[in-house]
Amino acid sequence: MGYDLVDVEFAGAGLLRVFIDLPASAFEQLSVPANSPEAPMIKVEDCERVSHQLTHFLTVENIDYSRLEVSSPGLDRPLTRESDFARFEGAEVSLRLREPLSGRRNFVGVLMRDDSAADRWALELIEPPKSAAKAAGRLSAKGRSGSNAKGSANKPGTGSANPDAEVPVDASEGEMVRRLSFVLSEVERARLVPKVKF
């Protein structure tokens, strides 16, 4: 039908939820980034079309459900597939790792490809002063000096996700930028950080 299937979930009492989005080609034709507030969005009419079609399909396939909801994924759209990560490269993302890294599982930063390997991704993290100071203590001296010290913060059994070098952004603010490198199998959950234009 020309839509992307983002996610499907079975909730309680027989509720079936289906989340749809416009395909990446809709954004490419308009030359608008997919994470831009000006980007086209799923409308109620789109949800109605898909709901009508799915109702017939689920009846024919004898799928057991009592209620169907079709909606857009929302401003905090989940990223579940490789194609999602590629589509939203450059967007701000909230990411939760399956295993803790230096006692931490939740990170927020700008999503980008990691040039070290074809299957790796990275988040450019901007830490506030307090968090940056704590994070600096967890990195090796080599990582703090500004060289790429991949794996310096890894613990055995925590996967290969790792923060690389820390680099000061603004000395007056004390903010630090770090890079978290990861593969998708290390990610428990990833979502866009909502951006609202008023």
N, C-alpha and C. Protein backbone atom coordinates (compact mmCIF):
# COMPACT_ATOMS: atom_id res chain seq x y z
N MET A 1 0.82 -1.22 0.00
CA MET A 1 0.00 0.00 0.00
C MET A 1 0.85 1.26 0.00
N GLY A 2 2.16 1.10 -0.03
CA GLY A 2 3.03 2.26 -0.10
C GLY A 2 3.42 2.83 1.25
N TYR A 3 3.30 2.04 2.32
CA TYR A 3 3.69 2.49 3.66
C TYR A 3 4.78 1.57 4.21
N ASP A 4 5.53 2.09 5.15
CA ASP A 4 6.49 1.27 5.89
C ASP A 4 5.81 0.73 7.14
N LEU A 5 6.01 -0.55 7.42
CA LEU A 5 5.55 -1.14 8.67
C LEU A 5 6.65 -0.91 9.70
N VAL A 6 6.34 -0.11 10.73
CA VAL A 6 7.33 0.22 11.76
C VAL A 6 7.35 -0.81 12.86
N ASP A 7 6.16 -1.18 13.35
CA ASP A 7 6.09 -2.12 14.47
C ASP A 7 4.69 -2.70 14.57
N VAL A 8 4.59 -3.87 15.20
CA VAL A 8 3.31 -4.51 15.49
C VAL A 8 3.38 -5.01 16.92
N GLU A 9 2.32 -4.79 17.67
CA GLU A 9 2.32 -5.31 19.05
C GLU A 9 0.93 -5.80 19.43
N PHE A 10 0.91 -6.91 20.19
CA PHE A 10 -0.33 -7.43 20.75
C PHE A 10 -0.41 -6.93 22.19
N ALA A 11 -1.42 -6.13 22.48
CA ALA A 11 -1.63 -5.63 23.83
C ALA A 11 -2.68 -6.50 24.51
N GLY A 12 -3.07 -6.12 25.72
CA GLY A 12 -4.06 -6.90 26.46
C GLY A 12 -5.44 -6.84 25.83
N ALA A 13 -6.28 -7.79 26.21
CA ALA A 13 -7.69 -7.85 25.78
C ALA A 13 -7.83 -7.92 24.26
N GLY A 14 -6.89 -8.58 23.59
CA GLY A 14 -7.00 -8.81 22.15
C GLY A 14 -6.73 -7.60 21.28
N LEU A 15 -6.09 -6.57 21.84
CA LEU A 15 -5.80 -5.36 21.06
C LEU A 15 -4.56 -5.58 20.20
N LEU A 16 -4.70 -5.33 18.91
CA LEU A 16 -3.60 -5.43 17.95
C LEU A 16 -3.26 -4.03 17.48
N ARG A 17 -2.02 -3.58 17.73
CA ARG A 17 -1.58 -2.25 17.31
C ARG A 17 -0.60 -2.39 16.15
N VAL A 18 -0.81 -1.57 15.14
CA VAL A 18 0.07 -1.54 13.97
C VAL A 18 0.53 -0.10 13.77
N PHE A 19 1.85 0.08 13.67
CA PHE A 19 2.41 1.42 13.48
C PHE A 19 2.98 1.52 12.07
N ILE A 20 2.56 2.54 11.36
CA ILE A 20 2.99 2.72 9.97
C ILE A 20 3.67 4.07 9.80
N ASP A 21 4.47 4.18 8.74
CA ASP A 21 5.13 5.44 8.41
C ASP A 21 5.21 5.56 6.91
N LEU A 22 5.49 6.76 6.45
CA LEU A 22 5.72 6.96 5.03
C LEU A 22 7.06 6.35 4.65
N PRO A 23 7.20 5.84 3.44
CA PRO A 23 8.48 5.24 3.04
C PRO A 23 9.56 6.30 2.88
N ALA A 24 10.81 5.87 2.94
CA ALA A 24 11.94 6.79 2.81
C ALA A 24 11.89 7.57 1.50
N SER A 25 11.34 6.96 0.44
CA SER A 25 11.27 7.63 -0.86
C SER A 25 10.43 8.91 -0.80
N ALA A 26 9.45 8.97 0.11
CA ALA A 26 8.61 10.17 0.23
C ALA A 26 9.43 11.37 0.67
N PHE A 27 10.47 11.12 1.45
CA PHE A 27 11.33 12.20 1.92
C PHE A 27 12.39 12.56 0.89
N GLU A 28 12.86 11.54 0.16
CA GLU A 28 13.88 11.78 -0.86
C GLU A 28 13.33 12.64 -1.99
N GLN A 29 12.07 12.40 -2.39
CA GLN A 29 11.46 13.16 -3.47
C GLN A 29 11.32 14.64 -3.11
N LEU A 30 11.09 14.92 -1.83
CA LEU A 30 10.91 16.31 -1.37
C LEU A 30 12.21 16.95 -0.93
N SER A 31 13.30 16.19 -0.90
CA SER A 31 14.61 16.67 -0.42
C SER A 31 14.50 17.26 0.99
N VAL A 32 13.73 16.57 1.84
CA VAL A 32 13.56 16.97 3.24
C VAL A 32 14.08 15.85 4.12
N PRO A 33 14.93 16.15 5.10
CA PRO A 33 15.40 15.09 6.00
C PRO A 33 14.23 14.46 6.74
N ALA A 34 14.29 13.14 6.93
CA ALA A 34 13.20 12.41 7.58
C ALA A 34 12.96 12.87 9.00
N ASN A 35 13.97 13.45 9.65
CA ASN A 35 13.82 13.88 11.04
C ASN A 35 13.51 15.38 11.15
N SER A 36 13.21 16.02 10.03
CA SER A 36 12.91 17.45 10.03
C SER A 36 11.46 17.69 10.44
N PRO A 37 11.19 18.77 11.20
CA PRO A 37 9.79 19.10 11.54
C PRO A 37 8.94 19.40 10.32
N GLU A 38 9.58 19.75 9.19
CA GLU A 38 8.84 20.04 7.95
C GLU A 38 8.53 18.78 7.14
N ALA A 39 9.04 17.64 7.59
CA ALA A 39 8.86 16.40 6.84
C ALA A 39 7.39 15.99 6.82
N PRO A 40 6.93 15.35 5.73
CA PRO A 40 5.53 14.89 5.68
C PRO A 40 5.29 13.83 6.75
N MET A 41 4.05 13.76 7.22
CA MET A 41 3.72 12.83 8.29
C MET A 41 2.51 11.98 7.90
N ILE A 42 2.36 10.87 8.61
CA ILE A 42 1.18 10.03 8.44
C ILE A 42 -0.06 10.81 8.88
N LYS A 43 -1.11 10.73 8.06
CA LYS A 43 -2.37 11.42 8.39
C LYS A 43 -3.42 10.40 8.83
N VAL A 44 -4.50 10.89 9.40
CA VAL A 44 -5.60 10.03 9.83
C VAL A 44 -6.13 9.21 8.65
N GLU A 45 -6.19 9.85 7.48
CA GLU A 45 -6.69 9.15 6.28
C GLU A 45 -5.81 7.95 5.93
N ASP A 46 -4.50 8.07 6.13
CA ASP A 46 -3.59 6.95 5.87
C ASP A 46 -3.90 5.79 6.81
N CYS A 47 -4.11 6.12 8.08
CA CYS A 47 -4.41 5.09 9.08
C CYS A 47 -5.74 4.40 8.76
N GLU A 48 -6.71 5.17 8.30
CA GLU A 48 -8.02 4.60 7.94
C GLU A 48 -7.89 3.63 6.77
N ARG A 49 -7.10 4.01 5.76
CA ARG A 49 -6.90 3.13 4.58
C ARG A 49 -6.28 1.81 5.00
N VAL A 50 -5.22 1.88 5.81
CA VAL A 50 -4.53 0.66 6.23
C VAL A 50 -5.42 -0.18 7.15
N SER A 51 -6.15 0.48 8.04
CA SER A 51 -7.05 -0.24 8.95
C SER A 51 -8.12 -1.00 8.17
N HIS A 52 -8.69 -0.35 7.15
CA HIS A 52 -9.72 -0.99 6.32
C HIS A 52 -9.15 -2.22 5.62
N GLN A 53 -7.95 -2.08 5.04
CA GLN A 53 -7.32 -3.19 4.32
C GLN A 53 -6.95 -4.33 5.27
N LEU A 54 -6.39 -3.97 6.43
CA LEU A 54 -5.98 -5.00 7.39
C LEU A 54 -7.16 -5.76 7.98
N THR A 55 -8.27 -5.07 8.18
CA THR A 55 -9.46 -5.74 8.72
C THR A 55 -9.88 -6.89 7.82
N HIS A 56 -9.89 -6.65 6.50
CA HIS A 56 -10.23 -7.72 5.54
C HIS A 56 -9.16 -8.81 5.56
N PHE A 57 -7.91 -8.41 5.54
CA PHE A 57 -6.81 -9.38 5.51
C PHE A 57 -6.82 -10.29 6.74
N LEU A 58 -6.97 -9.69 7.93
CA LEU A 58 -6.94 -10.46 9.17
C LEU A 58 -8.13 -11.42 9.27
N THR A 59 -9.27 -11.02 8.70
CA THR A 59 -10.45 -11.90 8.69
C THR A 59 -10.20 -13.09 7.78
N VAL A 60 -9.66 -12.84 6.58
CA VAL A 60 -9.38 -13.92 5.63
C VAL A 60 -8.34 -14.88 6.19
N GLU A 61 -7.32 -14.33 6.87
CA GLU A 61 -6.24 -15.17 7.43
C GLU A 61 -6.60 -15.76 8.79
N ASN A 62 -7.81 -15.46 9.29
CA ASN A 62 -8.30 -16.00 10.55
C ASN A 62 -7.37 -15.67 11.72
N ILE A 63 -6.92 -14.41 11.77
CA ILE A 63 -6.07 -13.94 12.87
C ILE A 63 -6.97 -13.56 14.04
N ASP A 64 -6.65 -14.09 15.21
CA ASP A 64 -7.47 -13.86 16.39
C ASP A 64 -7.11 -12.53 17.06
N TYR A 65 -8.03 -11.58 16.99
CA TYR A 65 -7.86 -10.29 17.66
C TYR A 65 -9.26 -9.72 17.88
N SER A 66 -9.39 -8.79 18.82
CA SER A 66 -10.72 -8.21 19.07
C SER A 66 -10.81 -6.76 18.63
N ARG A 67 -9.65 -6.06 18.62
CA ARG A 67 -9.67 -4.65 18.24
C ARG A 67 -8.37 -4.31 17.53
N LEU A 68 -8.46 -3.49 16.50
CA LEU A 68 -7.30 -3.10 15.70
C LEU A 68 -7.08 -1.60 15.81
N GLU A 69 -5.84 -1.21 16.08
CA GLU A 69 -5.45 0.20 16.07
C GLU A 69 -4.32 0.37 15.08
N VAL A 70 -4.48 1.34 14.17
CA VAL A 70 -3.41 1.68 13.23
C VAL A 70 -3.04 3.13 13.46
N SER A 71 -1.76 3.40 13.67
CA SER A 71 -1.35 4.78 13.94
C SER A 71 0.06 5.03 13.44
N SER A 72 0.44 6.30 13.49
CA SER A 72 1.82 6.67 13.16
C SER A 72 2.70 6.29 14.34
N PRO A 73 4.00 6.19 14.14
CA PRO A 73 4.89 5.83 15.25
C PRO A 73 5.12 6.95 16.24
N GLY A 74 4.66 8.16 15.92
CA GLY A 74 4.83 9.29 16.83
C GLY A 74 6.16 9.98 16.65
N LEU A 75 6.36 11.06 17.40
CA LEU A 75 7.60 11.84 17.30
C LEU A 75 8.79 11.08 17.84
N ASP A 76 8.55 10.15 18.77
CA ASP A 76 9.64 9.34 19.31
C ASP A 76 9.69 7.98 18.62
N ARG A 77 9.65 8.01 17.31
CA ARG A 77 9.60 6.81 16.46
C ARG A 77 10.69 5.81 16.85
N PRO A 78 10.33 4.54 17.02
CA PRO A 78 11.37 3.54 17.30
C PRO A 78 12.19 3.23 16.06
N LEU A 79 13.45 2.93 16.26
CA LEU A 79 14.34 2.47 15.19
C LEU A 79 14.60 0.99 15.45
N THR A 80 14.13 0.14 14.58
CA THR A 80 14.22 -1.29 14.82
C THR A 80 15.05 -2.05 13.79
N ARG A 81 15.21 -1.47 12.61
CA ARG A 81 15.92 -2.18 11.54
C ARG A 81 17.11 -1.36 11.06
N GLU A 82 17.99 -2.02 10.34
CA GLU A 82 19.16 -1.35 9.76
C GLU A 82 18.72 -0.18 8.88
N SER A 83 17.64 -0.39 8.12
CA SER A 83 17.15 0.67 7.22
C SER A 83 16.66 1.88 8.01
N ASP A 84 16.12 1.67 9.23
CA ASP A 84 15.70 2.79 10.07
C ASP A 84 16.90 3.63 10.49
N PHE A 85 17.98 2.95 10.88
CA PHE A 85 19.18 3.67 11.30
C PHE A 85 19.77 4.46 10.13
N ALA A 86 19.76 3.85 8.93
CA ALA A 86 20.28 4.54 7.76
C ALA A 86 19.41 5.75 7.41
N ARG A 87 18.11 5.59 7.52
CA ARG A 87 17.16 6.67 7.18
C ARG A 87 17.29 7.86 8.11
N PHE A 88 17.56 7.60 9.39
CA PHE A 88 17.60 8.68 10.37
C PHE A 88 19.03 9.03 10.81
N GLU A 89 19.98 8.71 9.95
CA GLU A 89 21.36 9.13 10.22
C GLU A 89 21.40 10.66 10.32
N GLY A 90 22.03 11.18 11.35
CA GLY A 90 22.09 12.62 11.57
C GLY A 90 21.04 13.12 12.54
N ALA A 91 20.10 12.25 12.93
CA ALA A 91 19.06 12.63 13.88
C ALA A 91 19.53 12.38 15.31
N GLU A 92 18.88 13.07 16.25
CA GLU A 92 19.18 12.84 17.66
C GLU A 92 18.38 11.62 18.13
N VAL A 93 19.09 10.68 18.75
CA VAL A 93 18.51 9.39 19.10
C VAL A 93 18.75 9.07 20.56
N SER A 94 17.73 8.47 21.19
CA SER A 94 17.85 7.93 22.55
C SER A 94 18.04 6.43 22.42
N LEU A 95 19.11 5.91 23.00
CA LEU A 95 19.50 4.52 22.79
C LEU A 95 19.71 3.83 24.13
N ARG A 96 19.23 2.60 24.25
CA ARG A 96 19.44 1.78 25.44
C ARG A 96 20.16 0.50 25.03
N LEU A 97 21.30 0.23 25.66
CA LEU A 97 22.07 -0.97 25.36
C LEU A 97 21.52 -2.17 26.11
N ARG A 98 21.73 -3.37 25.55
CA ARG A 98 21.30 -4.60 26.23
C ARG A 98 22.13 -4.83 27.49
N GLU A 99 23.43 -4.56 27.42
CA GLU A 99 24.33 -4.75 28.55
C GLU A 99 24.89 -3.40 28.97
N PRO A 100 25.06 -3.18 30.28
CA PRO A 100 25.60 -1.88 30.73
C PRO A 100 27.04 -1.67 30.28
N LEU A 101 27.37 -0.44 30.01
CA LEU A 101 28.73 -0.05 29.65
C LEU A 101 29.19 0.94 30.71
N SER A 102 30.18 0.57 31.48
CA SER A 102 30.65 1.40 32.60
C SER A 102 29.49 1.80 33.51
N GLY A 103 28.61 0.84 33.77
CA GLY A 103 27.49 1.06 34.67
C GLY A 103 26.33 1.83 34.07
N ARG A 104 26.35 2.02 32.76
CA ARG A 104 25.34 2.84 32.10
C ARG A 104 24.76 2.14 30.89
N ARG A 105 23.44 2.25 30.70
CA ARG A 105 22.80 1.62 29.54
C ARG A 105 22.12 2.62 28.62
N ASN A 106 21.78 3.80 29.11
CA ASN A 106 21.03 4.79 28.34
C ASN A 106 21.94 5.93 27.86
N PHE A 107 21.82 6.24 26.56
CA PHE A 107 22.64 7.28 25.95
C PHE A 107 21.77 8.08 24.99
N VAL A 108 22.11 9.36 24.82
CA VAL A 108 21.44 10.22 23.85
C VAL A 108 22.50 10.93 23.04
N GLY A 109 22.35 10.95 21.72
CA GLY A 109 23.32 11.62 20.88
C GLY A 109 22.88 11.65 19.43
N VAL A 110 23.75 12.14 18.58
CA VAL A 110 23.47 12.23 17.15
C VAL A 110 23.94 10.95 16.48
N LEU A 111 23.03 10.30 15.75
CA LEU A 111 23.31 9.02 15.10
C LEU A 111 24.15 9.21 13.85
N MET A 112 25.18 8.39 13.70
CA MET A 112 26.00 8.41 12.50
C MET A 112 26.63 7.05 12.27
N ARG A 113 27.13 6.86 11.07
CA ARG A 113 27.83 5.62 10.77
C ARG A 113 29.21 5.65 11.40
N ASP A 114 29.68 4.47 11.80
CA ASP A 114 31.03 4.34 12.33
C ASP A 114 31.89 3.78 11.20
N ASP A 115 32.89 4.53 10.80
CA ASP A 115 33.72 4.12 9.66
C ASP A 115 34.62 2.94 9.96
N SER A 116 34.69 2.49 11.22
CA SER A 116 35.60 1.40 11.56
C SER A 116 35.15 0.06 10.99
N ALA A 117 33.83 -0.11 10.74
CA ALA A 117 33.32 -1.36 10.17
C ALA A 117 31.96 -1.09 9.55
N ALA A 118 31.61 -1.88 8.54
CA ALA A 118 30.38 -1.65 7.79
C ALA A 118 29.13 -1.84 8.64
N ASP A 119 29.19 -2.73 9.65
CA ASP A 119 28.00 -3.01 10.45
C ASP A 119 27.93 -2.19 11.73
N ARG A 120 28.83 -1.23 11.90
CA ARG A 120 28.86 -0.45 13.14
C ARG A 120 28.22 0.92 12.98
N TRP A 121 27.60 1.38 14.07
CA TRP A 121 27.01 2.71 14.14
C TRP A 121 27.62 3.44 15.31
N ALA A 122 27.36 4.73 15.40
CA ALA A 122 27.92 5.51 16.51
C ALA A 122 26.94 6.60 16.91
N LEU A 123 27.03 7.01 18.17
CA LEU A 123 26.33 8.18 18.66
C LEU A 123 27.37 9.19 19.10
N GLU A 124 27.25 10.42 18.61
CA GLU A 124 28.07 11.51 19.12
C GLU A 124 27.35 12.05 20.35
N LEU A 125 27.91 11.83 21.51
CA LEU A 125 27.26 12.20 22.77
C LEU A 125 27.79 13.54 23.25
N ILE A 126 26.88 14.41 23.64
CA ILE A 126 27.30 15.65 24.28
C ILE A 126 26.87 15.55 25.74
N GLU A 127 27.85 15.47 26.61
CA GLU A 127 27.58 15.29 28.03
C GLU A 127 27.58 16.63 28.75
N PRO A 128 26.63 16.86 29.65
CA PRO A 128 26.70 18.06 30.49
C PRO A 128 27.89 17.97 31.42
N PRO A 129 28.34 19.08 31.99
CA PRO A 129 29.56 19.11 32.80
C PRO A 129 29.65 18.02 33.87
N LYS A 130 28.58 17.81 34.66
CA LYS A 130 28.63 16.85 35.75
C LYS A 130 28.82 15.43 35.22
N SER A 131 28.03 15.07 34.20
CA SER A 131 28.14 13.74 33.62
C SER A 131 29.48 13.56 32.93
N ALA A 132 29.97 14.61 32.28
CA ALA A 132 31.24 14.52 31.57
C ALA A 132 32.38 14.26 32.55
N ALA A 133 32.32 14.88 33.70
CA ALA A 133 33.37 14.68 34.69
C ALA A 133 33.39 13.24 35.18
N LYS A 134 32.19 12.68 35.40
CA LYS A 134 32.12 11.28 35.83
C LYS A 134 32.60 10.36 34.72
N ALA A 135 32.16 10.66 33.48
CA ALA A 135 32.55 9.82 32.35
C ALA A 135 34.06 9.87 32.13
N ALA A 136 34.66 11.03 32.36
CA ALA A 136 36.10 11.18 32.15
C ALA A 136 36.87 10.23 33.07
N GLY A 137 36.36 10.04 34.26
CA GLY A 137 37.03 9.15 35.20
C GLY A 137 36.96 7.70 34.78
N ARG A 138 35.98 7.36 33.92
CA ARG A 138 35.82 5.97 33.50
C ARG A 138 36.64 5.64 32.26
N LEU A 139 37.16 6.66 31.60
CA LEU A 139 37.96 6.41 30.40
C LEU A 139 39.43 6.31 30.77
N SER A 140 40.17 5.64 29.93
CA SER A 140 41.61 5.54 30.19
C SER A 140 42.27 6.88 29.95
N ALA A 141 43.49 7.03 30.46
CA ALA A 141 44.22 8.28 30.26
C ALA A 141 44.42 8.53 28.78
N LYS A 142 44.61 7.46 28.03
CA LYS A 142 44.80 7.61 26.59
C LYS A 142 43.53 8.17 25.94
N GLY A 143 42.33 7.67 26.39
CA GLY A 143 41.07 8.17 25.85
C GLY A 143 40.87 9.62 26.18
N ARG A 144 41.27 10.06 27.40
CA ARG A 144 41.07 11.45 27.79
C ARG A 144 42.00 12.39 27.04
N SER A 145 43.12 11.87 26.57
CA SER A 145 44.07 12.75 25.89
C SER A 145 43.60 13.14 24.50
N GLY A 146 42.54 12.44 23.99
CA GLY A 146 41.99 12.83 22.69
C GLY A 146 42.28 11.85 21.58
N SER A 147 42.98 10.76 21.85
CA SER A 147 43.21 9.76 20.81
C SER A 147 42.07 8.77 20.83
N ASN A 148 41.89 8.02 19.75
CA ASN A 148 40.82 7.04 19.70
C ASN A 148 41.24 5.82 20.49
N ALA A 149 40.62 5.65 21.65
CA ALA A 149 40.97 4.52 22.51
C ALA A 149 39.81 3.55 22.54
N LYS A 150 39.55 2.91 21.43
CA LYS A 150 38.41 2.01 21.34
C LYS A 150 38.57 0.87 22.32
N GLY A 151 37.47 0.59 23.03
CA GLY A 151 37.48 -0.52 23.96
C GLY A 151 38.06 -0.18 25.30
N SER A 152 38.55 1.05 25.51
CA SER A 152 39.19 1.38 26.77
C SER A 152 38.24 1.32 27.94
N ALA A 153 36.92 1.52 27.67
CA ALA A 153 35.97 1.50 28.78
C ALA A 153 35.21 0.18 28.85
N ASN A 154 35.58 -0.78 28.00
CA ASN A 154 34.87 -2.05 28.00
C ASN A 154 35.25 -2.88 29.20
N LYS A 155 34.28 -3.65 29.67
CA LYS A 155 34.53 -4.65 30.68
C LYS A 155 34.27 -5.99 30.03
N PRO A 156 34.90 -7.05 30.46
CA PRO A 156 34.65 -8.35 29.87
C PRO A 156 33.16 -8.68 29.94
N GLY A 157 32.63 -9.16 28.82
CA GLY A 157 31.25 -9.58 28.79
C GLY A 157 30.24 -8.46 28.59
N THR A 158 30.71 -7.24 28.33
CA THR A 158 29.76 -6.14 28.15
C THR A 158 29.55 -5.79 26.69
N GLY A 159 30.03 -6.63 25.77
CA GLY A 159 29.85 -6.32 24.35
C GLY A 159 30.93 -5.39 23.87
N SER A 160 30.83 -4.96 22.60
CA SER A 160 31.88 -4.15 22.02
C SER A 160 31.51 -2.68 21.92
N ALA A 161 30.33 -2.29 22.40
CA ALA A 161 29.99 -0.87 22.40
C ALA A 161 31.01 -0.14 23.26
N ASN A 162 31.51 0.99 22.76
CA ASN A 162 32.53 1.68 23.54
C ASN A 162 32.55 3.16 23.24
N PRO A 163 32.79 3.98 24.28
CA PRO A 163 32.98 5.39 24.04
C PRO A 163 34.41 5.64 23.60
N ASP A 164 34.60 6.39 22.53
CA ASP A 164 35.95 6.69 22.07
C ASP A 164 36.48 7.92 22.82
N ALA A 165 37.24 8.73 22.15
CA ALA A 165 37.89 9.86 22.80
C ALA A 165 36.89 10.91 23.27
N GLU A 166 37.27 11.63 24.32
CA GLU A 166 36.51 12.78 24.78
C GLU A 166 37.22 14.04 24.30
N VAL A 167 36.46 14.99 23.77
CA VAL A 167 37.04 16.23 23.27
C VAL A 167 36.24 17.40 23.82
N PRO A 168 36.88 18.41 24.45
CA PRO A 168 36.11 19.55 24.96
C PRO A 168 35.40 20.29 23.83
N VAL A 169 34.15 20.67 24.07
CA VAL A 169 33.40 21.45 23.09
C VAL A 169 33.49 22.93 23.44
N ASP A 170 33.22 23.25 24.69
CA ASP A 170 33.23 24.63 25.14
C ASP A 170 33.84 24.65 26.54
N ALA A 171 35.04 25.19 26.64
CA ALA A 171 35.76 25.14 27.90
C ALA A 171 34.99 25.87 29.00
N SER A 172 34.27 26.94 28.64
CA SER A 172 33.55 27.70 29.66
C SER A 172 32.39 26.90 30.23
N GLU A 173 31.77 26.07 29.40
CA GLU A 173 30.66 25.26 29.86
C GLU A 173 31.13 23.92 30.42
N GLY A 174 32.33 23.51 30.02
CA GLY A 174 32.85 22.23 30.49
C GLY A 174 32.20 21.03 29.82
N GLU A 175 31.49 21.23 28.70
CA GLU A 175 30.84 20.11 28.03
C GLU A 175 31.87 19.28 27.28
N MET A 176 31.60 17.99 27.19
CA MET A 176 32.50 17.08 26.50
C MET A 176 31.71 16.31 25.44
N VAL A 177 32.38 16.01 24.33
CA VAL A 177 31.78 15.18 23.30
C VAL A 177 32.46 13.82 23.33
N ARG A 178 31.66 12.77 23.33
CA ARG A 178 32.20 11.43 23.25
C ARG A 178 31.48 10.69 22.13
N ARG A 179 32.08 9.62 21.69
CA ARG A 179 31.46 8.79 20.67
C ARG A 179 31.22 7.39 21.24
N LEU A 180 29.99 6.91 21.11
CA LEU A 180 29.63 5.56 21.50
C LEU A 180 29.51 4.74 20.23
N SER A 181 30.34 3.73 20.10
CA SER A 181 30.34 2.88 18.92
C SER A 181 29.60 1.58 19.26
N PHE A 182 28.74 1.10 18.34
CA PHE A 182 27.94 -0.10 18.65
C PHE A 182 27.50 -0.80 17.37
N VAL A 183 27.07 -2.05 17.53
CA VAL A 183 26.39 -2.79 16.47
C VAL A 183 24.94 -2.97 16.91
N LEU A 184 24.04 -3.22 15.97
CA LEU A 184 22.61 -3.25 16.30
C LEU A 184 22.24 -4.35 17.28
N SER A 185 22.97 -5.45 17.26
CA SER A 185 22.66 -6.55 18.19
C SER A 185 22.91 -6.15 19.64
N GLU A 186 23.65 -5.08 19.89
CA GLU A 186 23.90 -4.61 21.25
C GLU A 186 22.82 -3.65 21.75
N VAL A 187 21.89 -3.29 20.86
CA VAL A 187 20.87 -2.30 21.19
C VAL A 187 19.59 -2.98 21.64
N GLU A 188 19.12 -2.61 22.83
CA GLU A 188 17.83 -3.11 23.31
C GLU A 188 16.69 -2.27 22.74
N ARG A 189 16.90 -0.95 22.72
CA ARG A 189 15.85 -0.06 22.25
C ARG A 189 16.48 1.23 21.72
N ALA A 190 15.94 1.74 20.61
CA ALA A 190 16.39 3.03 20.08
C ALA A 190 15.18 3.80 19.58
N ARG A 191 15.13 5.10 19.93
CA ARG A 191 14.02 5.94 19.51
C ARG A 191 14.53 7.32 19.12
N LEU A 192 13.81 7.97 18.21
CA LEU A 192 14.12 9.36 17.89
C LEU A 192 13.81 10.23 19.10
N VAL A 193 14.62 11.25 19.30
CA VAL A 193 14.31 12.26 20.31
C VAL A 193 13.33 13.23 19.68
N PRO A 194 12.15 13.41 20.29
CA PRO A 194 11.12 14.25 19.65
C PRO A 194 11.61 15.67 19.41
N LYS A 195 11.35 16.17 18.20
CA LYS A 195 11.66 17.55 17.83
C LYS A 195 10.35 18.20 17.38
N VAL A 196 9.91 19.22 18.10
CA VAL A 196 8.65 19.86 17.79
C VAL A 196 8.91 21.28 17.31
N LYS A 197 8.28 21.67 16.22
CA LYS A 197 8.43 23.02 15.70
C LYS A 197 7.15 23.81 16.03
N PHE A 198 7.29 24.92 16.76
CA PHE A 198 6.16 25.75 17.14
C PHE A 198 6.08 26.98 16.25
